[in-house]
Amino acid sequence: MLGTVHGKLVFNRRVRTLAAAIAERLPHGARVLDVGCGSGDLAALVMQIRPDVSIEGIDVLVRPGTAIPVHAYDGAHIPFGDDSFDAAMVVDVLHHTDDPAAVLAEIARVAPMVVIKDHLRDGIAAGPTLRFMDWVGNAAHGVRLPYNYLSHREWKAIWARLHLGTSKFATRLALYPRPFSWLFDRGLHFVTVLSR
């Protein structure tokens, strides 16, 4: 029942909001890699907003009938050469990995610019809230849930170690309708552009 409510009240709004945030951050005419793209629905919506970009995806679980072309990915080594893409997007994926820094380094290897959306484990009860959100949105799909959330300070340390500059950082994304926004939007999400 919780999954049904999530799908009806949250998922579509979330996808539309994220597509707009990502679309405005991608360079003109870019060839983009969507890392951990799932169904590809988000990427397809980004391309509707930005018909000048082309997006293909990689995922460890390649689903049938995806909205974009999807290549199998082992979760560690992206099957493309250095600078194969103009940009990459990675949306709510890195907290599903054991080593977000290593995965991000591999993404930055294939694209000089990365649009990242993930979570911030800052503030009162942030960890338990993020765990609940992750479970509701992903458990039914068989997505691995290590709950590896980082604080803003930890993210910044990774970006500095990988020599990635940040721009267009935002935490007020308005992903959820009221009253859900009072609990689930409160600075737990961010989107930014990382560049080598």
Foldseek 3Di string as FASTA:
>chain_A
DLLVCCVVFFDVLLLLLVLVLVLVVDDFLWEEEEEQCVLVPSVVSNCVVRVSYHYEYEHCDDDPNGPHHYDYDPQQADPDAFQQTQEYEYEAPLQLDPDSLRSVLNRCRNHQKYKYKHWACDDDCLQVLVLVVCCSPPVVVVRRHPSRHYHPVVVVVSLVVSVWDKDPKDLQRCSGDPPVCVRPSPSTMIIIMIGD
